[in-house]
Amino acid sequence: MDLGADRRGVDMGPSALRIAGLPKQLQNLGYKIIDDGDIIIQIKEKQEIGNFKLKYLNEILRTSKILAQKVEKALSQNYFPLCIGGDHSMGIGTIAGISSYCRKNKLKLGVIWIDAHADMNTDKTTPTGNIHGMPLAANLGLGNEKLVNFYGFSPKLKPENTVLIGVRSIDEFEKKNIKQLNLTVYTMSDVDKLGIHRIIARVLKQFKEKVDHIHVSFDLDSVDPTLAPGVGTSIPGGLSFRESHLLMESIAECGCMSSLEVTEVNPILDDKNKSAIFAAELVASSMGQRIL
């Protein structure tokens, strides 16, 4: 999926992580891997942009429905969904599928959104019209009716069960949306002050007490661009190598993550697949890879 962003190449992210050895790393940890392949998406050149405040909305919704169905089916068959992107507009589909599964099984859903950006824009506030800046807002019930009511229900998430970590670039209107919903946000300033271990330990402790399914949505641009240059919207001052791994290792130690998505790996902007390799290592850390 690359329709949610302006820069091309992020649709090759899944292939880049396969080449980086992610399947083998997970197999070495004892997991059985079922690769369900890539969802076929119409390329931009064959698409109508449509509303410039909601670029490529129809194709994004079509693709998101397929993704949501795949994720919900995987969960219903007791599989762990690992979704690889692709720009972060894929979060519309992944979370719709997870939330639908949780609703049907009377499970409470909690989401840890790890990202340099808040992704809390709507069609009324977006400066670009790129939908990869809107998925969290839409899942929380804010924005365009088609996005908000996608998959037949809204909201997909509750604000009190949603936490953002690593944020360091927030638009002014996003700040208003965040305050309106009273979302919990740990910016990079908070990471500097508190430390990533204290933050994730606090979040996981709270979630273990009040939710049944924890989904982690990891945007690679949360990491400092010196470590992961191959992302579409890089922002200086991101998570360090050890902060990133400690974050994912802590999630693994909790043993409470039920689904994971990794987004915004862009091979065209990368340096010798450096970012994809790092992303694969982080996924492995979240699934139990240890130093010793």
Protein backbone atom coordinates (compact mmCIF):
# COMPACT_ATOMS: atom_id res chain seq x y z
CA MET A 1 0.00 0.00 0.00
CA ASP A 2 1.45 3.35 -1.01
CA LEU A 3 -1.73 5.28 -1.79
CA GLY A 4 -1.87 6.92 1.62
CA ALA A 5 1.38 8.84 1.15
CA ASP A 6 2.93 11.15 -1.43
CA ARG A 7 6.25 9.33 -1.83
CA ARG A 8 6.42 6.13 -3.85
CA GLY A 9 8.17 2.92 -2.85
CA VAL A 10 6.63 2.02 0.48
CA ASP A 11 4.53 -0.67 -1.23
CA MET A 12 7.78 -2.64 -1.59
CA GLY A 13 8.21 -2.76 2.19
CA PRO A 14 6.94 -6.33 2.62
CA SER A 15 9.38 -7.65 0.02
CA ALA A 16 12.21 -5.72 1.65
CA LEU A 17 11.53 -7.35 5.02
CA ARG A 18 11.36 -10.79 3.45
CA ILE A 19 14.73 -10.13 1.78
CA ALA A 20 16.05 -8.88 5.13
CA GLY A 21 15.39 -12.35 6.52
CA LEU A 22 12.37 -11.77 8.73
CA PRO A 23 10.69 -15.15 8.04
CA LYS A 24 13.91 -17.02 8.87
CA GLN A 25 14.44 -15.02 12.06
CA LEU A 26 10.95 -15.89 13.27
CA GLN A 27 11.38 -19.54 12.33
CA ASN A 28 14.59 -19.61 14.35
CA LEU A 29 12.54 -18.45 17.33
CA GLY A 30 10.29 -21.47 16.90
CA TYR A 31 7.37 -19.91 15.05
CA LYS A 32 5.54 -21.53 12.16
CA ILE A 33 5.20 -18.92 9.42
CA ILE A 34 2.26 -18.77 7.04
CA ASP A 35 2.94 -16.06 4.46
CA ASP A 36 -0.45 -14.99 3.11
CA GLY A 37 1.22 -12.95 0.38
CA ASP A 38 0.61 -9.35 -0.62
CA ILE A 39 -2.72 -7.66 -1.25
CA ILE A 40 -2.86 -6.47 -4.85
CA ILE A 41 -3.38 -2.72 -5.05
CA GLN A 42 -4.03 -0.63 -8.12
CA ILE A 43 -1.08 1.66 -8.81
CA LYS A 44 -1.50 5.40 -8.47
CA GLU A 45 -1.16 6.03 -12.18
CA LYS A 46 -4.36 4.05 -12.77
CA GLN A 47 -6.31 5.71 -9.95
CA GLU A 48 -8.36 8.85 -9.65
CA ILE A 49 -7.14 11.02 -6.78
CA GLY A 50 -10.71 12.03 -6.06
CA ASN A 51 -11.17 14.42 -3.16
CA PHE A 52 -7.83 16.19 -2.62
CA LYS A 53 -8.51 16.13 1.12
CA LEU A 54 -8.90 12.32 0.97
CA LYS A 55 -6.57 11.19 -1.79
CA TYR A 56 -7.29 7.74 -3.28
CA LEU A 57 -10.01 7.12 -0.70
CA ASN A 58 -11.97 4.52 -2.69
CA GLU A 59 -8.98 2.27 -3.44
CA ILE A 60 -7.71 2.59 0.12
CA LEU A 61 -11.12 1.51 1.44
CA ARG A 62 -11.28 -1.40 -1.02
CA THR A 63 -7.84 -2.59 0.03
CA SER A 64 -8.54 -2.00 3.72
CA LYS A 65 -11.61 -4.23 3.53
CA ILE A 66 -9.53 -7.11 2.17
CA LEU A 67 -6.93 -6.56 4.88
CA ALA A 68 -9.55 -6.35 7.63
CA GLN A 69 -11.12 -9.62 6.49
CA LYS A 70 -7.74 -11.37 6.38
CA VAL A 71 -6.79 -10.16 9.86
CA GLU A 72 -10.15 -11.09 11.37
CA LYS A 73 -9.98 -14.54 9.77
CA ALA A 74 -6.46 -15.11 11.09
CA LEU A 75 -7.53 -14.24 14.62
CA SER A 76 -10.61 -16.45 14.39
CA GLN A 77 -8.30 -19.34 13.46
CA ASN A 78 -6.06 -18.61 16.48
CA TYR A 79 -3.18 -17.22 14.42
CA PHE A 80 -1.07 -14.21 15.35
CA PRO A 81 -1.50 -11.55 12.63
CA LEU A 82 1.78 -9.87 11.64
CA CYS A 83 0.97 -7.23 9.04
CA ILE A 84 3.80 -5.64 7.05
CA GLY A 85 3.36 -2.40 5.13
CA GLY A 86 3.01 -0.35 3.33
CA ASP A 87 2.10 3.15 4.50
CA HIS A 88 0.28 3.65 7.78
CA SER A 89 -3.13 3.99 6.15
CA MET A 90 -3.10 0.20 6.42
CA GLY A 91 -3.93 0.77 10.09
CA ILE A 92 -7.50 1.41 8.96
CA GLY A 93 -7.79 -2.18 7.77
CA THR A 94 -5.76 -3.97 10.42
CA ILE A 95 -7.50 -2.35 13.36
CA ALA A 96 -10.94 -2.74 11.78
CA GLY A 97 -10.37 -6.48 11.51
CA ILE A 98 -8.97 -6.75 15.03
CA SER A 99 -11.70 -4.60 16.55
CA SER A 100 -14.41 -6.58 14.76
CA TYR A 101 -12.97 -9.82 16.11
CA CYS A 102 -12.81 -8.38 19.63
CA ARG A 103 -16.40 -7.11 19.45
CA LYS A 104 -17.71 -10.50 18.36
CA ASN A 105 -15.79 -12.25 21.14
CA LYS A 106 -16.48 -9.66 23.85
CA LEU A 107 -12.81 -8.75 24.20
CA LYS A 108 -11.49 -5.33 25.15
CA LEU A 109 -8.96 -3.95 22.65
CA GLY A 110 -5.96 -1.81 23.52
CA VAL A 111 -3.60 -0.25 20.97
CA ILE A 112 -0.01 0.94 21.38
CA TRP A 113 0.71 3.31 18.49
CA ILE A 114 4.47 3.83 18.09
CA ASP A 115 5.07 6.64 15.62
CA ALA A 116 6.88 9.93 15.04
CA HIS A 117 3.50 11.36 14.04
CA ALA A 118 0.14 11.30 15.78
CA ASP A 119 -1.86 10.28 12.67
CA MET A 120 -4.76 12.24 14.17
CA ASN A 121 -5.69 14.40 11.18
CA THR A 122 -9.06 14.35 9.46
CA ASP A 123 -10.22 15.56 6.07
CA LYS A 124 -11.04 18.88 7.77
CA THR A 125 -7.57 19.35 9.27
CA THR A 126 -5.14 17.61 6.93
CA PRO A 127 -2.52 19.85 5.28
CA THR A 128 -1.76 17.22 2.60
CA GLY A 129 -4.84 15.06 2.00
CA ASN A 130 -2.70 11.97 2.62
CA ILE A 131 -4.72 9.32 4.43
CA HIS A 132 -1.67 7.84 6.16
CA GLY A 133 -2.00 10.84 8.49
CA MET A 134 -5.58 9.92 9.46
CA PRO A 135 -5.85 6.26 10.54
CA LEU A 136 -5.76 6.72 14.29
CA ALA A 137 -8.29 9.55 14.18
CA ALA A 138 -10.62 7.46 12.00
CA ASN A 139 -10.33 4.44 14.29
CA LEU A 140 -11.23 6.68 17.23
CA GLY A 141 -14.31 7.99 15.43
CA LEU A 142 -13.05 11.32 14.08
CA GLY A 143 -13.15 12.40 10.45
CA ASN A 144 -14.79 11.51 7.18
CA GLU A 145 -17.89 9.32 7.49
CA LYS A 146 -16.58 6.70 5.05
CA LEU A 147 -13.35 6.28 7.02
CA VAL A 148 -15.01 6.43 10.42
CA ASN A 149 -17.77 3.94 9.57
CA PHE A 150 -15.55 1.65 7.52
CA TYR A 151 -16.27 -2.05 8.11
CA GLY A 152 -19.73 -1.22 9.42
CA PHE A 153 -19.11 0.16 12.90
CA SER A 154 -17.50 2.98 14.85
CA PRO A 155 -15.49 3.69 16.87
CA LYS A 156 -12.95 0.90 16.51
CA LEU A 157 -10.93 2.08 19.51
CA LYS A 158 -11.60 3.68 22.87
CA PRO A 159 -9.42 6.70 23.75
CA GLU A 160 -8.70 5.35 27.24
CA ASN A 161 -7.31 2.16 25.67
CA THR A 162 -5.09 3.92 23.13
CA VAL A 163 -1.53 5.09 23.80
CA LEU A 164 0.93 6.87 21.51
CA ILE A 165 4.70 6.53 22.02
CA GLY A 166 7.63 8.29 20.34
CA VAL A 167 5.65 11.18 18.87
CA ARG A 168 7.67 14.26 17.91
CA SER A 169 5.76 15.88 15.04
CA ILE A 170 2.15 16.92 15.68
CA ASP A 171 0.10 19.33 13.58
CA GLU A 172 -1.79 22.06 15.43
CA PHE A 173 -5.23 20.62 14.65
CA GLU A 174 -4.03 17.16 15.68
CA LYS A 175 -3.20 18.60 19.09
CA LYS A 176 -6.81 19.74 19.40
CA ASN A 177 -8.10 16.29 18.43
CA ILE A 178 -5.77 14.66 20.95
CA LYS A 179 -6.93 16.99 23.73
CA GLN A 180 -10.57 16.51 22.74
CA LEU A 181 -10.26 12.76 23.28
CA ASN A 182 -7.85 13.07 26.23
CA LEU A 183 -5.45 10.59 24.62
CA THR A 184 -2.36 9.38 26.44
CA VAL A 185 0.70 10.50 24.46
CA TYR A 186 4.34 9.90 25.33
CA THR A 187 6.38 12.26 23.18
CA MET A 188 10.11 11.95 22.62
CA SER A 189 10.52 14.56 25.35
CA ASP A 190 8.79 12.14 27.71
CA VAL A 191 11.09 9.36 26.52
CA ASP A 192 14.09 11.56 27.32
CA LYS A 193 12.75 12.43 30.78
CA LEU A 194 11.28 9.11 31.88
CA GLY A 195 13.12 6.50 29.84
CA ILE A 196 11.51 4.11 27.39
CA HIS A 197 11.49 1.18 29.83
CA ARG A 198 9.50 3.05 32.46
CA ILE A 199 7.02 4.22 29.83
CA ILE A 200 6.34 0.85 28.21
CA ALA A 201 6.28 -0.91 31.59
CA ARG A 202 3.62 1.55 32.77
CA VAL A 203 1.55 1.13 29.61
CA LEU A 204 1.72 -2.66 29.62
CA LYS A 205 0.83 -2.84 33.32
CA GLN A 206 -2.24 -0.68 32.74
CA PHE A 207 -3.27 -2.60 29.64
CA LYS A 208 -2.87 -6.01 31.26
CA GLU A 209 -5.33 -4.88 33.92
CA LYS A 210 -8.02 -3.52 31.60
CA VAL A 211 -7.80 -4.99 28.07
CA ASP A 212 -7.81 -8.50 26.62
CA HIS A 213 -6.13 -7.93 23.24
CA ILE A 214 -3.08 -5.68 22.79
CA HIS A 215 -2.27 -4.57 19.25
CA VAL A 216 1.04 -2.85 18.51
CA SER A 217 1.20 -0.55 15.49
CA PHE A 218 4.86 0.26 14.80
CA ASP A 219 5.74 2.95 12.27
CA LEU A 220 9.44 2.77 11.45
CA ASP A 221 9.67 6.55 11.35
CA SER A 222 9.46 6.42 15.15
CA VAL A 223 13.13 5.41 14.96
CA ASP A 224 15.85 7.99 14.42
CA PRO A 225 16.56 8.43 10.67
CA THR A 226 20.26 7.71 11.19
CA LEU A 227 19.17 4.13 11.94
CA ALA A 228 16.26 3.91 9.51
CA PRO A 229 16.60 6.36 6.60
CA GLY A 230 14.21 4.38 4.42
CA VAL A 231 10.93 5.90 5.58
CA GLY A 232 8.62 8.32 3.83
CA THR A 233 8.43 11.05 6.45
CA SER A 234 11.58 11.02 8.55
CA ILE A 235 11.88 13.29 11.58
CA PRO A 236 15.19 13.80 13.47
CA GLY A 237 15.43 12.89 17.14
CA GLY A 238 13.74 9.50 17.13
CA LEU A 239 14.17 6.36 19.18
CA SER A 240 17.74 5.12 19.46
CA PHE A 241 18.91 1.60 18.61
CA ARG A 242 18.70 0.43 22.22
CA GLU A 243 15.47 2.31 22.99
CA SER A 244 13.80 0.67 19.99
CA HIS A 245 14.95 -2.81 20.93
CA LEU A 246 14.22 -2.35 24.63
CA LEU A 247 10.71 -1.22 23.75
CA MET A 248 10.09 -4.32 21.66
CA GLU A 249 11.87 -6.64 24.11
CA SER A 250 9.67 -5.33 26.91
CA ILE A 251 6.57 -6.06 24.84
CA ALA A 252 7.83 -9.61 24.26
CA GLU A 253 8.57 -10.13 27.97
CA CYS A 254 5.02 -9.09 28.80
CA GLY A 255 3.70 -11.94 26.66
CA CYS A 256 0.52 -9.98 26.08
CA MET A 257 0.80 -8.76 22.47
CA SER A 258 -1.86 -10.38 20.29
CA SER A 259 -1.16 -8.70 16.93
CA LEU A 260 1.49 -6.50 15.31
CA GLU A 261 1.85 -4.29 12.27
CA VAL A 262 5.00 -2.64 10.93
CA THR A 263 4.60 0.24 8.51
CA GLU A 264 6.39 2.81 6.34
CA VAL A 265 9.47 0.79 5.28
CA ASN A 266 10.46 2.37 1.95
CA PRO A 267 13.26 0.60 0.03
CA ILE A 268 13.53 3.39 -2.55
CA LEU A 269 14.62 5.81 0.18
CA ASP A 270 16.76 3.24 1.99
CA ASP A 271 20.50 2.60 2.05
CA LYS A 272 21.31 -1.02 1.10
CA ASN A 273 18.14 -2.27 2.84
CA LYS A 274 19.43 -0.89 6.16
CA SER A 275 15.98 0.14 7.37
CA ALA A 276 14.31 -3.14 6.44
CA ILE A 277 17.03 -5.11 8.21
CA PHE A 278 16.55 -3.00 11.33
CA ALA A 279 12.77 -3.37 11.13
CA ALA A 280 13.12 -7.15 10.85
CA GLU A 281 15.38 -7.18 13.90
CA LEU A 282 12.83 -5.15 15.86
CA VAL A 283 10.04 -7.55 14.93
CA ALA A 284 12.24 -10.42 16.10
CA SER A 285 12.83 -8.60 19.40
CA SER A 286 9.08 -8.17 19.86
CA MET A 287 8.62 -11.89 19.28
CA GLY A 288 11.23 -13.04 21.79
CA GLN A 289 14.70 -12.56 20.30
CA ARG A 290 17.18 -11.89 23.12
CA ILE A 291 20.81 -10.82 23.48
CA LEU A 292 21.43 -13.77 25.83
